[in-house]
Protein backbone atom coordinates (compact mmCIF):
# COMPACT_ATOMS: atom_id res chain seq x y z
CA MET A 1 -47.31 -60.65 -121.11
CA ARG A 2 -49.88 -58.39 -122.79
CA LYS A 3 -48.58 -58.55 -126.34
CA LEU A 4 -45.90 -60.24 -128.45
CA PHE A 5 -44.35 -58.88 -131.63
CA VAL A 6 -42.88 -61.45 -134.05
CA ILE A 7 -40.58 -59.29 -136.14
CA GLY A 8 -38.85 -60.20 -139.39
CA ILE A 9 -35.41 -58.55 -139.44
CA GLY A 10 -34.09 -59.53 -142.85
CA ALA A 11 -31.13 -61.71 -143.77
CA GLY A 12 -28.59 -59.96 -141.53
CA ASP A 13 -28.04 -56.43 -142.83
CA PRO A 14 -29.29 -53.86 -140.26
CA ASP A 15 -30.24 -51.59 -143.18
CA GLN A 16 -32.78 -54.19 -144.36
CA VAL A 17 -34.85 -53.77 -141.20
CA THR A 18 -38.06 -52.01 -142.25
CA VAL A 19 -39.47 -48.85 -140.69
CA GLN A 20 -42.46 -50.92 -139.55
CA ALA A 21 -40.11 -53.35 -137.81
CA VAL A 22 -38.25 -50.51 -136.07
CA LYS A 23 -41.54 -49.04 -134.82
CA ALA A 24 -42.54 -52.45 -133.46
CA MET A 25 -39.15 -53.03 -131.80
CA ARG A 26 -39.42 -49.70 -130.03
CA GLN A 27 -42.58 -50.90 -128.27
CA VAL A 28 -40.89 -54.03 -126.92
CA GLU A 29 -39.67 -54.29 -123.34
CA VAL A 30 -38.29 -57.85 -123.44
CA PHE A 31 -36.83 -59.66 -126.46
CA PHE A 32 -36.82 -63.46 -126.42
CA VAL A 33 -33.96 -65.20 -128.22
CA ILE A 34 -33.63 -68.95 -128.69
CA GLY A 35 -29.94 -69.55 -128.08
CA LYS A 36 -28.00 -71.82 -130.42
CA GLY A 37 -24.98 -72.41 -128.22
CA ALA A 38 -21.45 -71.01 -128.21
CA GLU A 39 -20.79 -72.03 -131.84
CA LYS A 40 -23.59 -69.80 -133.06
CA GLN A 41 -23.03 -66.86 -130.73
CA GLU A 42 -22.63 -64.65 -133.80
CA LEU A 43 -26.34 -65.07 -134.56
CA LEU A 44 -27.15 -63.48 -131.20
CA ASP A 45 -24.49 -60.82 -131.78
CA VAL A 46 -26.14 -59.77 -135.06
CA ARG A 47 -29.52 -59.42 -133.35
CA THR A 48 -27.88 -57.41 -130.57
CA ALA A 49 -26.24 -55.11 -133.13
CA ILE A 50 -29.59 -54.55 -134.85
CA LEU A 51 -31.20 -53.63 -131.53
CA ALA A 52 -28.30 -51.33 -130.64
CA GLU A 53 -28.72 -49.49 -133.94
CA HIS A 54 -32.50 -49.10 -133.88
CA MET A 55 -33.73 -49.08 -130.27
CA ASP A 56 -34.37 -45.79 -128.48
CA ARG A 57 -35.53 -47.15 -125.09
CA PRO A 58 -34.27 -49.59 -122.43
CA TYR A 59 -34.97 -53.27 -123.05
CA ARG A 60 -33.99 -56.72 -121.82
CA ILE A 61 -32.90 -59.83 -123.72
CA VAL A 62 -33.98 -63.23 -122.40
CA GLU A 63 -32.04 -66.11 -123.96
CA ILE A 64 -33.81 -69.49 -124.10
CA PRO A 65 -31.64 -72.58 -124.68
CA ASP A 66 -32.66 -74.44 -127.83
CA PRO A 67 -33.58 -78.08 -127.03
CA PRO A 68 -31.46 -80.62 -128.92
CA ARG A 69 -32.88 -82.70 -131.75
CA ASP A 70 -31.86 -85.54 -134.06
CA ARG A 71 -30.64 -84.07 -137.36
CA ALA A 72 -31.04 -87.34 -139.28
CA PRO A 73 -34.15 -89.01 -137.81
CA ALA A 74 -36.04 -91.90 -139.35
CA ASP A 75 -39.28 -89.91 -138.90
CA TYR A 76 -38.35 -86.36 -139.91
CA GLN A 77 -41.83 -84.86 -139.55
CA GLY A 78 -42.36 -86.47 -136.15
CA GLU A 79 -38.97 -85.34 -134.88
CA VAL A 80 -39.61 -81.74 -135.95
CA ARG A 81 -43.06 -81.71 -134.35
CA ASP A 82 -41.59 -82.98 -131.08
CA TRP A 83 -38.82 -80.38 -131.26
CA HIS A 84 -41.36 -77.61 -131.83
CA ASP A 85 -43.37 -78.81 -128.83
CA ARG A 86 -40.30 -78.71 -126.59
CA ARG A 87 -39.36 -75.27 -127.91
CA ALA A 88 -42.91 -74.04 -127.28
CA ALA A 89 -42.78 -75.31 -123.70
CA ARG A 90 -39.61 -73.33 -123.03
CA LEU A 91 -41.04 -70.22 -124.69
CA GLY A 92 -44.23 -70.51 -122.67
CA ASP A 93 -42.27 -70.71 -119.42
CA ALA A 94 -40.32 -67.58 -120.41
CA PHE A 95 -43.47 -65.69 -121.44
CA GLU A 96 -45.02 -66.31 -118.02
CA GLN A 97 -42.18 -64.41 -116.33
CA VAL A 98 -42.77 -61.20 -118.33
CA GLU A 99 -45.26 -58.40 -117.86
CA GLY A 100 -45.75 -55.93 -120.68
CA VAL A 101 -44.68 -56.28 -124.32
CA GLY A 102 -42.41 -59.01 -125.65
CA GLY A 103 -40.70 -59.47 -128.97
CA ILE A 104 -39.01 -62.17 -131.04
CA LEU A 105 -36.61 -61.20 -133.84
CA VAL A 106 -36.86 -63.64 -136.75
CA TRP A 107 -34.25 -64.02 -139.48
CA GLY A 108 -35.75 -63.12 -142.84
CA ASP A 109 -39.53 -63.32 -142.64
CA PRO A 110 -41.62 -65.36 -140.16
CA SER A 111 -43.67 -66.87 -143.01
CA LEU A 112 -40.86 -68.69 -144.82
CA TYR A 113 -39.23 -71.84 -143.37
CA ASP A 114 -39.34 -70.55 -139.82
CA SER A 115 -41.02 -72.24 -136.86
CA THR A 116 -41.64 -69.21 -134.63
CA LEU A 117 -45.32 -68.73 -135.45
CA ARG A 118 -46.03 -72.44 -134.99
CA MET A 119 -44.41 -72.28 -131.56
CA VAL A 120 -46.38 -69.17 -130.57
CA GLU A 121 -49.61 -70.95 -131.59
CA ARG A 122 -48.59 -73.96 -129.46
CA VAL A 123 -47.99 -71.67 -126.47
CA LEU A 124 -51.50 -70.22 -126.88
CA GLU A 125 -52.95 -73.73 -127.17
CA ARG A 126 -51.40 -74.51 -123.78
CA GLY A 127 -53.57 -71.80 -122.20
CA ALA A 128 -51.42 -68.67 -122.34
CA VAL A 129 -53.33 -65.42 -122.96
CA PHE A 130 -51.75 -62.61 -125.00
CA ASP A 131 -52.17 -60.86 -128.32
CA TYR A 132 -49.50 -61.10 -131.01
CA GLU A 133 -48.65 -59.24 -134.19
CA VAL A 134 -46.43 -60.31 -137.09
CA ILE A 135 -44.12 -57.85 -138.85
CA PRO A 136 -42.81 -59.01 -142.26
CA GLY A 137 -39.13 -58.89 -143.17
CA VAL A 138 -36.84 -59.18 -146.19
CA THR A 139 -36.19 -62.87 -146.91
CA SER A 140 -32.90 -64.46 -147.90
CA VAL A 141 -34.61 -65.30 -151.21
CA GLN A 142 -35.15 -61.61 -151.92
CA ALA A 143 -31.64 -60.79 -150.76
CA LEU A 144 -30.20 -63.47 -153.06
CA ALA A 145 -32.10 -62.10 -156.06
CA ALA A 146 -30.98 -58.55 -155.31
CA ARG A 147 -27.32 -59.44 -154.80
CA HIS A 148 -27.22 -61.45 -158.04
CA ARG A 149 -29.34 -58.80 -159.85
CA MET A 150 -31.78 -61.39 -161.18
CA VAL A 151 -35.49 -62.06 -161.59
CA LEU A 152 -36.52 -65.34 -159.96
CA HIS A 153 -38.70 -66.52 -162.84
CA ARG A 154 -39.08 -66.35 -166.59
CA ILE A 155 -42.12 -64.49 -167.99
CA GLY A 156 -45.30 -66.07 -166.63
CA GLU A 157 -43.39 -68.81 -164.80
CA PRO A 158 -44.18 -69.68 -161.15
CA VAL A 159 -41.59 -69.28 -158.41
CA HIS A 160 -40.81 -72.60 -156.73
CA ILE A 161 -39.19 -72.43 -153.28
CA THR A 162 -38.17 -75.74 -151.73
CA THR A 163 -35.66 -77.43 -149.41
CA GLY A 164 -32.58 -79.49 -150.09
CA ARG A 165 -34.40 -82.58 -148.79
CA ARG A 166 -37.30 -82.08 -151.22
CA LEU A 167 -34.93 -81.32 -154.10
CA ARG A 168 -33.27 -84.70 -153.59
CA GLU A 169 -36.63 -86.47 -153.37
CA GLU A 170 -38.47 -84.69 -156.19
CA GLY A 171 -35.74 -83.46 -158.52
CA LEU A 172 -35.57 -80.16 -160.36
CA GLY A 173 -38.22 -78.88 -162.75
CA SER A 174 -37.35 -75.82 -164.79
CA SER A 175 -36.31 -73.62 -161.86
CA ALA A 176 -36.20 -73.64 -158.06
CA VAL A 177 -34.96 -71.61 -155.11
CA VAL A 178 -33.51 -73.97 -152.50
CA MET A 179 -33.17 -73.35 -148.75
CA LEU A 180 -32.11 -75.46 -145.77
CA ASP A 181 -29.67 -77.57 -147.77
CA GLY A 182 -26.91 -78.78 -145.50
CA ASP A 183 -26.06 -81.66 -147.86
CA CYS A 184 -25.32 -79.65 -151.04
CA SER A 185 -28.14 -81.43 -152.87
CA PHE A 186 -27.39 -79.52 -156.06
CA THR A 187 -24.53 -81.96 -156.67
CA GLU A 188 -27.12 -84.75 -157.12
CA VAL A 189 -29.23 -82.91 -159.71
CA PRO A 190 -28.56 -84.42 -163.15
CA GLY A 191 -28.12 -82.30 -166.24
CA ALA A 192 -25.48 -80.29 -168.08
CA ASP A 193 -27.62 -77.23 -168.80
CA ILE A 194 -28.25 -76.03 -165.23
CA HIS A 195 -27.17 -72.64 -163.87
CA ILE A 196 -26.75 -71.82 -160.16
CA TRP A 197 -26.82 -68.57 -158.19
CA TRP A 198 -25.56 -69.23 -154.64
CA GLY A 199 -25.14 -66.96 -151.65
CA ALA A 200 -24.11 -67.37 -148.01
CA TYR A 201 -24.33 -64.95 -145.05
CA LEU A 202 -26.37 -62.60 -147.24
CA GLY A 203 -26.34 -59.02 -146.00
CA MET A 204 -23.57 -59.71 -143.49
CA PRO A 205 -19.89 -58.66 -143.63
CA ASP A 206 -18.86 -62.23 -144.54
CA GLU A 207 -21.27 -62.48 -147.49
CA VAL A 208 -20.12 -64.82 -150.29
CA LEU A 209 -21.64 -65.09 -153.77
CA ILE A 210 -20.92 -67.69 -156.48
CA GLU A 211 -22.69 -67.93 -159.84
CA GLY A 212 -22.19 -69.98 -162.98
CA PRO A 213 -22.95 -73.24 -164.82
CA LEU A 214 -23.68 -75.79 -162.09
CA ARG A 215 -21.27 -78.45 -163.26
CA ALA A 216 -18.46 -75.87 -163.49
CA VAL A 217 -18.86 -74.34 -160.03
CA GLU A 218 -20.52 -77.00 -157.84
CA GLN A 219 -17.27 -78.32 -156.35
CA ARG A 220 -16.11 -74.79 -155.62
CA ILE A 221 -19.37 -74.12 -153.73
CA VAL A 222 -19.01 -77.37 -151.77
CA GLU A 223 -15.43 -76.50 -150.79
CA VAL A 224 -16.19 -72.86 -149.90
CA ARG A 225 -19.28 -73.84 -147.95
CA GLY A 226 -17.43 -76.50 -146.00
CA ARG A 227 -14.55 -74.18 -145.16
CA LEU A 228 -16.80 -71.34 -144.03
CA ARG A 229 -18.93 -73.61 -141.87
CA ALA A 230 -15.84 -75.06 -140.23
CA GLU A 231 -14.40 -71.59 -139.56
CA LYS A 232 -17.58 -70.01 -138.18
CA GLY A 233 -19.37 -73.04 -136.74
CA TRP A 234 -22.56 -72.26 -138.70
CA ILE A 235 -23.70 -71.21 -142.14
CA MET A 236 -26.84 -69.77 -143.71
CA ASP A 237 -27.02 -70.14 -147.49
CA VAL A 238 -29.58 -70.23 -150.27
CA TYR A 239 -29.41 -70.75 -154.01
CA ARG A 240 -31.39 -70.75 -157.21
CA LEU A 241 -31.17 -73.40 -159.92
CA ARG A 242 -32.46 -72.98 -163.49
CA ARG A 243 -32.40 -75.23 -166.51
CA GLY A 244 -31.62 -73.92 -169.96
């Protein structure tokens, strides 16, 4: 493989794919997709729909099975590192079978809570030789702010983006955007003066938005989230919390 494009494709809406991303996709001959199994086939379908809308040349899709991992390990950091290593090994094997230009389509942007670039670096460390280029994309954080028509910070205030795990461990300051929260950690945040802006499947036909005082809407979010995940087999959601 001569070159690899790592392309951010936004939160799911084909219209959020940038012109730069489309130009990069149209140079790709083989797209690599890490498969998530039958339950998450829709994630592959969305990528396929984006390619069908924007590609103007023949291309192939190579699906790579995602190695399993423990979702509740005693050593979280160690488990994730091991998982990334096993993913990188599978990617490296797939890269070796391709001549020309490859591409990986990344949900949102490759810089934010995504492991693709770490895996590409691991493949290079193993001795593979190719150039790679990163194309930014619209993140779910940006999509959430746009759909709720909000600014993510007060005047002069920093933007804090964290995970559900860290929110439980560190608590909430004045404001935070929270990703990767499969445990609905907002229910454990104390306080009566907290507001939440929540969104799931942003940019997709099944998009759901809920907003309001946290204590008034938290159970509704838990119930809606649980029902949607059970129906679809997967969920992508993000939310913002703010005190005062």
